[in-house]
Amino acid sequence: MEYFPPALERLVEQFARLPGVGRKSAQRLAFFVLGLPEQEAEAFAGAITEAKRAIHFCPVCQNFAQGDGPCPICRSGKRDGSVICVVADPKDVIAMERSREYNGLYHVLHGVISPMNHVGPDDLHVKSLVERVSQGTVKEVIMATDPDTEGEATALYLSRLLRPFGVKVTRLAYGIPVGSHLEYADDATLMRALEGRREI
């Protein structure tokens, strides 16, 4: 028995394709959109279409950019061009920028090395990173991939690839979250916290 008209069913299916959105959430989103005034619904659909058409990869760092040329971070004269932070996804750039502590440039790989998912170095934006480092202006490359198996493998692969250029390759420190308790930390987190300890 069909509960929804075909157009509504298609809308629910499209929302269900979004990450972290299940069938019930997709239905709620579809009903919300149907409840919008027509002008707002058209603006919503237009924003999706416009973003898809206007957003491209920055030719320098591979982050999202709009218009001709590099993204705002790469264009900024206030950033430290001698440091590059390597991240897996554009959303990781947002996370790093939230800290307001990092003032260098970025390089977005758009994924990590994952043999199980048939993702190798050639599927990522590795070549453009090597080209940037080979120019000789970069002094440090910070590996900021996730601390899981794929993220670690990617960081290790890139560090070996960049070593011949004489740049300092560092890895983000991992450990106990601020405001947390030692008793709740797992063994791997405690081990990383001990390895990354520093003098105070």
Foldseek 3Di string as FASTA:
>chain_A
DDDDDPVLVVQLVVQCPDPPAHSVNSNVVSVVLVPDDPVVNVVVVVVVVCCVVFWFAAPQAGAIDGDDHGHPLVPDPQAQAQEEEEEAHNVVVVVVVVVVPHRHHYHYFVHFDDVVVPDHSVNTPLVSVLVSLLVPSHAEYEQEYDPDPRSVVRLVVSCVVNVVSNHHYYYDQAADDPPDDPVPDDPVRHVSCVVPDDDD
